[in-house]
Amino acid sequence: MAKDKMVIRDDTILMDYRLIFKAIREEKGNWEQVEKELDALYTSLQEKIK
């Protein structure tokens, strides 16, 4: 069975929660930075699908 790490819909990004927690650990607990990075990813993807 295939396991998706990320699924992108028109207005939603579904991510494996482990990726999010891994990113938070890599940023030494700075979840605000991870949130900014995910927001930037979302914005970038939205611009590409317009």
N, C-alpha and C. Protein backbone atom coordinates (compact mmCIF):
# COMPACT_ATOMS: atom_id res chain seq x y z
N MET A 1 0.84 -1.18 0.00
CA MET A 1 0.00 0.00 0.00
C MET A 1 0.89 1.24 0.00
N ALA A 2 0.60 2.17 -0.90
CA ALA A 2 1.37 3.41 -0.98
C ALA A 2 1.04 4.30 0.22
N LYS A 3 2.05 5.01 0.68
CA LYS A 3 1.86 5.92 1.80
C LYS A 3 2.20 7.32 1.34
N ASP A 4 1.21 8.19 1.31
CA ASP A 4 1.44 9.57 0.93
C ASP A 4 1.94 10.36 2.12
N LYS A 5 2.95 11.18 1.89
CA LYS A 5 3.46 12.08 2.92
C LYS A 5 2.74 13.42 2.87
N MET A 6 2.29 13.79 1.64
CA MET A 6 1.62 15.06 1.47
C MET A 6 0.61 14.92 0.33
N VAL A 7 -0.58 15.46 0.54
CA VAL A 7 -1.62 15.48 -0.48
C VAL A 7 -2.03 16.93 -0.64
N ILE A 8 -2.07 17.41 -1.88
CA ILE A 8 -2.41 18.80 -2.13
C ILE A 8 -3.74 18.86 -2.86
N ARG A 9 -4.66 19.60 -2.28
CA ARG A 9 -5.97 19.85 -2.90
C ARG A 9 -6.01 21.33 -3.27
N ASP A 10 -7.11 21.79 -3.84
CA ASP A 10 -7.20 23.18 -4.27
C ASP A 10 -6.89 24.17 -3.15
N ASP A 11 -7.46 23.95 -1.98
CA ASP A 11 -7.29 24.91 -0.90
C ASP A 11 -6.78 24.27 0.39
N THR A 12 -6.22 23.07 0.28
CA THR A 12 -5.79 22.34 1.47
C THR A 12 -4.52 21.56 1.19
N ILE A 13 -3.63 21.53 2.18
CA ILE A 13 -2.47 20.65 2.15
C ILE A 13 -2.63 19.68 3.31
N LEU A 14 -2.70 18.40 2.99
CA LEU A 14 -2.76 17.36 4.02
C LEU A 14 -1.36 16.79 4.16
N MET A 15 -0.84 16.79 5.40
CA MET A 15 0.52 16.31 5.63
C MET A 15 0.54 15.26 6.72
N ASP A 16 1.44 14.32 6.58
CA ASP A 16 1.69 13.34 7.62
C ASP A 16 2.15 14.12 8.86
N TYR A 17 1.49 13.93 9.97
CA TYR A 17 1.82 14.69 11.18
C TYR A 17 3.27 14.51 11.60
N ARG A 18 3.86 13.37 11.26
CA ARG A 18 5.26 13.13 11.64
C ARG A 18 6.19 14.11 10.95
N LEU A 19 5.85 14.53 9.73
CA LEU A 19 6.67 15.52 9.03
C LEU A 19 6.64 16.86 9.75
N ILE A 20 5.47 17.21 10.26
CA ILE A 20 5.33 18.49 10.96
C ILE A 20 6.13 18.47 12.26
N PHE A 21 6.01 17.39 13.03
CA PHE A 21 6.75 17.31 14.29
C PHE A 21 8.25 17.21 14.05
N LYS A 22 8.65 16.55 12.97
CA LYS A 22 10.08 16.49 12.62
C LYS A 22 10.60 17.89 12.32
N ALA A 23 9.81 18.67 11.58
CA ALA A 23 10.22 20.04 11.26
C ALA A 23 10.33 20.88 12.53
N ILE A 24 9.41 20.71 13.47
CA ILE A 24 9.47 21.45 14.73
C ILE A 24 10.72 21.06 15.52
N ARG A 25 11.03 19.77 15.56
CA ARG A 25 12.26 19.34 16.25
C ARG A 25 13.50 19.93 15.58
N GLU A 26 13.52 19.95 14.25
CA GLU A 26 14.66 20.51 13.53
C GLU A 26 14.83 22.00 13.81
N GLU A 27 13.74 22.68 14.08
CA GLU A 27 13.79 24.11 14.42
C GLU A 27 13.91 24.32 15.94
N LYS A 28 14.26 23.27 16.65
CA LYS A 28 14.46 23.31 18.11
C LYS A 28 13.23 23.84 18.84
N GLY A 29 12.07 23.36 18.41
CA GLY A 29 10.83 23.71 19.10
C GLY A 29 10.17 25.00 18.63
N ASN A 30 10.77 25.67 17.68
CA ASN A 30 10.22 26.94 17.21
C ASN A 30 9.09 26.68 16.22
N TRP A 31 7.90 26.39 16.76
CA TRP A 31 6.78 26.06 15.90
C TRP A 31 6.31 27.25 15.07
N GLU A 32 6.56 28.47 15.55
CA GLU A 32 6.17 29.65 14.78
C GLU A 32 6.94 29.69 13.46
N GLN A 33 8.22 29.33 13.49
CA GLN A 33 9.03 29.29 12.27
C GLN A 33 8.51 28.23 11.31
N VAL A 34 8.16 27.08 11.85
CA VAL A 34 7.61 26.01 11.02
C VAL A 34 6.29 26.46 10.40
N GLU A 35 5.48 27.15 11.18
CA GLU A 35 4.21 27.67 10.66
C GLU A 35 4.47 28.63 9.50
N LYS A 36 5.44 29.52 9.64
CA LYS A 36 5.78 30.46 8.57
C LYS A 36 6.22 29.71 7.32
N GLU A 37 7.04 28.68 7.50
CA GLU A 37 7.53 27.90 6.35
C GLU A 37 6.38 27.17 5.66
N LEU A 38 5.46 26.62 6.44
CA LEU A 38 4.31 25.93 5.85
C LEU A 38 3.38 26.91 5.15
N ASP A 39 3.21 28.10 5.73
CA ASP A 39 2.41 29.14 5.07
C ASP A 39 3.04 29.53 3.74
N ALA A 40 4.37 29.66 3.71
CA ALA A 40 5.07 30.01 2.48
C ALA A 40 4.90 28.90 1.44
N LEU A 41 4.96 27.65 1.87
CA LEU A 41 4.75 26.52 0.97
C LEU A 41 3.34 26.58 0.39
N TYR A 42 2.37 26.80 1.24
CA TYR A 42 0.97 26.87 0.80
C TYR A 42 0.79 28.00 -0.23
N THR A 43 1.34 29.17 0.06
CA THR A 43 1.23 30.31 -0.85
C THR A 43 1.89 29.99 -2.19
N SER A 44 3.06 29.40 -2.14
CA SER A 44 3.77 29.03 -3.36
C SER A 44 2.96 28.05 -4.20
N LEU A 45 2.38 27.06 -3.55
CA LEU A 45 1.58 26.09 -4.28
C LEU A 45 0.32 26.72 -4.87
N GLN A 46 -0.29 27.62 -4.13
CA GLN A 46 -1.49 28.29 -4.63
C GLN A 46 -1.18 29.11 -5.88
N GLU A 47 -0.01 29.76 -5.90
CA GLU A 47 0.39 30.56 -7.06
C GLU A 47 0.62 29.67 -8.28
N LYS A 48 1.11 28.46 -8.07
CA LYS A 48 1.40 27.55 -9.18
C LYS A 48 0.15 26.94 -9.79
N ILE A 49 -0.91 26.81 -9.01
CA ILE A 49 -2.11 26.15 -9.54
C ILE A 49 -3.15 27.13 -10.06
N LYS A 50 -2.87 28.40 -9.99
CA LYS A 50 -3.83 29.41 -10.50
C LYS A 50 -3.84 29.41 -12.01
